[in-house]
Amino acid sequence: MWNWLERRVQRQNELDRGVDADLIRDNRKRFRLSWWSFSLGALLVAIDVLVQLPNWFHKTIYFLAFGFLVSGWLAWRWAVAEDAFLNRPDSKEPPKLFKL
């Protein structure tokens, strides 16, 4: 167990030194993109609820809101998965294709 803790501390030190800084910066952009996309979708839904719109415009707003909400959720899931990958310490030994 202590070996895992040592690898975790080593990974945090590498991140502090700037290793994978470009990947972390891109992932932060992905988090911001997901937040903006999800917020825009929620804003479109709120506008549609508050303002009485014609039927065709109502459907267009809902279609756009659904697209923004789904894309925000997908970008958020991608960012969370990449964040978990970037912060995971390296394994003790290289992966094996076959366990004997």
C-alpha atoms as a PDB file:
ATOM      1  CA  MET A   1       0.000   0.000   0.000  1.00  0.00           C
ATOM      2  CA  TRP A   2       2.799   2.430   0.777  1.00  0.00           C
ATOM      3  CA  ASN A   3       4.196   1.838  -2.683  1.00  0.00           C
ATOM      4  CA  TRP A   4       0.966   3.208  -4.153  1.00  0.00           C
ATOM      5  CA  LEU A   5       1.235   6.277  -1.938  1.00  0.00           C
ATOM      6  CA  GLU A   6       4.828   6.859  -3.032  1.00  0.00           C
ATOM      7  CA  ARG A   7       3.824   6.585  -6.714  1.00  0.00           C
ATOM      8  CA  ARG A   8       0.943   9.020  -6.101  1.00  0.00           C
ATOM      9  CA  VAL A   9       3.271  11.564  -4.482  1.00  0.00           C
ATOM     10  CA  GLN A  10       5.759  11.118  -7.333  1.00  0.00           C
ATOM     11  CA  ARG A  11       3.001  11.757  -9.906  1.00  0.00           C
ATOM     12  CA  GLN A  12       1.892  14.904  -8.079  1.00  0.00           C
ATOM     13  CA  ASN A  13       5.498  16.126  -8.029  1.00  0.00           C
ATOM     14  CA  GLU A  14       5.746  15.501 -11.783  1.00  0.00           C
ATOM     15  CA  LEU A  15       2.556  17.482 -12.355  1.00  0.00           C
ATOM     16  CA  ASP A  16       3.890  20.320 -10.188  1.00  0.00           C
ATOM     17  CA  ARG A  17       7.079  20.410 -12.294  1.00  0.00           C
ATOM     18  CA  GLY A  18       5.005  20.836 -15.449  1.00  0.00           C
ATOM     19  CA  VAL A  19       5.007  17.346 -16.915  1.00  0.00           C
ATOM     20  CA  ASP A  20       1.920  16.946 -19.153  1.00  0.00           C
ATOM     21  CA  ALA A  21       1.125  20.649 -18.721  1.00  0.00           C
ATOM     22  CA  ASP A  22      -0.306  20.846 -22.228  1.00  0.00           C
ATOM     23  CA  LEU A  23      -2.656  17.923 -21.572  1.00  0.00           C
ATOM     24  CA  ILE A  24      -3.844  19.443 -18.314  1.00  0.00           C
ATOM     25  CA  ARG A  25      -4.399  22.829 -19.990  1.00  0.00           C
ATOM     26  CA  ASP A  26      -6.423  21.179 -22.772  1.00  0.00           C
ATOM     27  CA  ASN A  27      -8.458  19.283 -20.195  1.00  0.00           C
ATOM     28  CA  ARG A  28      -9.253  22.500 -18.322  1.00  0.00           C
ATOM     29  CA  LYS A  29     -10.466  23.964 -21.609  1.00  0.00           C
ATOM     30  CA  ARG A  30     -12.677  20.906 -22.029  1.00  0.00           C
ATOM     31  CA  PHE A  31     -14.149  21.447 -18.539  1.00  0.00           C
ATOM     32  CA  ARG A  32     -14.865  25.092 -19.415  1.00  0.00           C
ATOM     33  CA  LEU A  33     -16.401  24.081 -22.756  1.00  0.00           C
ATOM     34  CA  SER A  34     -18.680  21.591 -21.037  1.00  0.00           C
ATOM     35  CA  TRP A  35     -19.756  24.173 -18.466  1.00  0.00           C
ATOM     36  CA  TRP A  36     -20.524  26.798 -21.127  1.00  0.00           C
ATOM     37  CA  SER A  37     -22.352  24.336 -23.349  1.00  0.00           C
ATOM     38  CA  PHE A  38     -24.454  23.001 -20.489  1.00  0.00           C
ATOM     39  CA  SER A  39     -25.194  26.538 -19.250  1.00  0.00           C
ATOM     40  CA  LEU A  40     -26.233  27.682 -22.706  1.00  0.00           C
ATOM     41  CA  GLY A  41     -28.584  24.716 -23.031  1.00  0.00           C
ATOM     42  CA  ALA A  42     -30.130  25.487 -19.633  1.00  0.00           C
ATOM     43  CA  LEU A  43     -30.491  29.162 -20.587  1.00  0.00           C
ATOM     44  CA  LEU A  44     -32.299  28.229 -23.803  1.00  0.00           C
ATOM     45  CA  VAL A  45     -34.708  26.021 -21.856  1.00  0.00           C
ATOM     46  CA  ALA A  46     -35.305  28.820 -19.333  1.00  0.00           C
ATOM     47  CA  ILE A  47     -35.980  31.354 -22.108  1.00  0.00           C
ATOM     48  CA  ASP A  48     -38.409  28.962 -23.748  1.00  0.00           C
ATOM     49  CA  VAL A  49     -40.248  28.387 -20.460  1.00  0.00           C
ATOM     50  CA  LEU A  50     -40.449  32.087 -19.600  1.00  0.00           C
ATOM     51  CA  VAL A  51     -41.355  33.462 -23.044  1.00  0.00           C
ATOM     52  CA  GLN A  52     -44.291  32.269 -25.132  1.00  0.00           C
ATOM     53  CA  LEU A  53     -42.812  31.400 -28.530  1.00  0.00           C
ATOM     54  CA  PRO A  54     -44.356  30.205 -31.791  1.00  0.00           C
ATOM     55  CA  ASN A  55     -44.476  26.443 -32.218  1.00  0.00           C
ATOM     56  CA  TRP A  56     -41.719  26.185 -34.837  1.00  0.00           C
ATOM     57  CA  PHE A  57     -39.421  28.445 -32.783  1.00  0.00           C
ATOM     58  CA  HIS A  58     -40.252  26.485 -29.632  1.00  0.00           C
ATOM     59  CA  LYS A  59     -39.169  23.235 -31.337  1.00  0.00           C
ATOM     60  CA  THR A  60     -35.998  24.866 -32.661  1.00  0.00           C
ATOM     61  CA  ILE A  61     -35.064  26.168 -29.204  1.00  0.00           C
ATOM     62  CA  TYR A  62     -35.658  22.756 -27.638  1.00  0.00           C
ATOM     63  CA  PHE A  63     -33.631  21.042 -30.353  1.00  0.00           C
ATOM     64  CA  LEU A  64     -30.711  23.452 -29.814  1.00  0.00           C
ATOM     65  CA  ALA A  65     -30.995  23.192 -26.025  1.00  0.00           C
ATOM     66  CA  PHE A  66     -30.960  19.401 -26.211  1.00  0.00           C
ATOM     67  CA  GLY A  67     -27.855  19.513 -28.425  1.00  0.00           C
ATOM     68  CA  PHE A  68     -26.043  21.875 -26.059  1.00  0.00           C
ATOM     69  CA  LEU A  69     -27.000  19.839 -22.986  1.00  0.00           C
ATOM     70  CA  VAL A  70     -25.870  16.553 -24.545  1.00  0.00           C
ATOM     71  CA  SER A  71     -22.620  18.017 -25.884  1.00  0.00           C
ATOM     72  CA  GLY A  72     -21.927  19.617 -22.483  1.00  0.00           C
ATOM     73  CA  TRP A  73     -22.501  16.318 -20.732  1.00  0.00           C
ATOM     74  CA  LEU A  74     -20.290  14.413 -23.195  1.00  0.00           C
ATOM     75  CA  ALA A  75     -17.475  16.981 -22.906  1.00  0.00           C
ATOM     76  CA  TRP A  76     -17.756  16.826 -19.113  1.00  0.00           C
ATOM     77  CA  ARG A  77     -17.545  13.009 -19.075  1.00  0.00           C
ATOM     78  CA  TRP A  78     -14.533  13.150 -21.396  1.00  0.00           C
ATOM     79  CA  ALA A  79     -12.824  15.709 -19.166  1.00  0.00           C
ATOM     80  CA  VAL A  80     -13.526  13.679 -16.017  1.00  0.00           C
ATOM     81  CA  ALA A  81     -12.118  10.505 -17.607  1.00  0.00           C
ATOM     82  CA  GLU A  82      -9.013  12.298 -18.842  1.00  0.00           C
ATOM     83  CA  ASP A  83      -8.529  13.965 -15.456  1.00  0.00           C
ATOM     84  CA  ALA A  84      -8.643  10.562 -13.767  1.00  0.00           C
ATOM     85  CA  PHE A  85      -6.114   9.240 -16.278  1.00  0.00           C
ATOM     86  CA  LEU A  86      -3.746  12.202 -15.879  1.00  0.00           C
ATOM     87  CA  ASN A  87      -3.797  12.088 -12.079  1.00  0.00           C
ATOM     88  CA  ARG A  88      -3.402   8.323 -11.819  1.00  0.00           C
ATOM     89  CA  PRO A  89       0.088   7.274 -10.751  1.00  0.00           C
ATOM     90  CA  ASP A  90       2.112   4.994 -12.997  1.00  0.00           C
ATOM     91  CA  SER A  91       1.754   1.319 -12.255  1.00  0.00           C
ATOM     92  CA  LYS A  92       4.432  -0.583 -10.427  1.00  0.00           C
ATOM     93  CA  GLU A  93       5.124  -2.851 -13.374  1.00  0.00           C
ATOM     94  CA  PRO A  94       4.319  -2.624 -17.078  1.00  0.00           C
ATOM     95  CA  PRO A  95       0.995  -4.103 -18.209  1.00  0.00           C
ATOM     96  CA  LYS A  96       0.942  -7.690 -19.430  1.00  0.00           C
ATOM     97  CA  LEU A  97      -1.005  -8.985 -22.371  1.00  0.00           C
ATOM     98  CA  PHE A  98      -1.391 -12.481 -20.970  1.00  0.00           C
ATOM     99  CA  LYS A  99      -1.497 -13.510 -17.331  1.00  0.00           C
ATOM    100  CA  LEU A 100       0.131 -16.855 -16.760  1.00  0.00           C
END
